[in-house]
């Protein structure tokens, strides 16, 4: 099955949606996991320990996690909340096709359930917005890995066509699922 999926991803790489920005390039899933990160929203030089003033996630020992904050903590803004405030998503997932029209509520529930499980384990991975224009649904995320994971969850549940596009310069991922 892994080989079948890889072949599927390689064949869909040639089907470029005309709305894609020219700075996005096709990638395979494994490439995304090994690329160096250059994210302007990554936490550096934050006071330790600290608590996000918007969502309450705790920054300590170089990691964000859910839990009780130590007694003396500084107030700060986590990268996910900063992206949400600035309307600057890192990931875009576009859903389209007959399966979306037929099973829209079920597919959206699958996405929200997957996103909640990821958020519980990885506090900076969140859905920012879900925009539905009737023809397609676009989900924006605070992290490229969540966008990839949502696409993977759709593919695992419904197959269809899955396409990944990555922008090196801006650390953005565009995922398109058509079912």
Foldseek 3Di string as FASTA:
>chain_A
DVVVVQVLQVVCQVVDDPPDDPLWHFDDPVVVVPDDDDAPLQDDPDDPFAAEPPPGWTAHPNATADDDHPPDHHYDHHSLRVCLVVVNFQEKEKEAEPCCLVPVVVLVVLLVVLQVVCCNVHVSWHWNDWDDPPGMIMITINAHVSNVVSQVSCCVVPNAHWTWIARPVHNHIYIYGYD
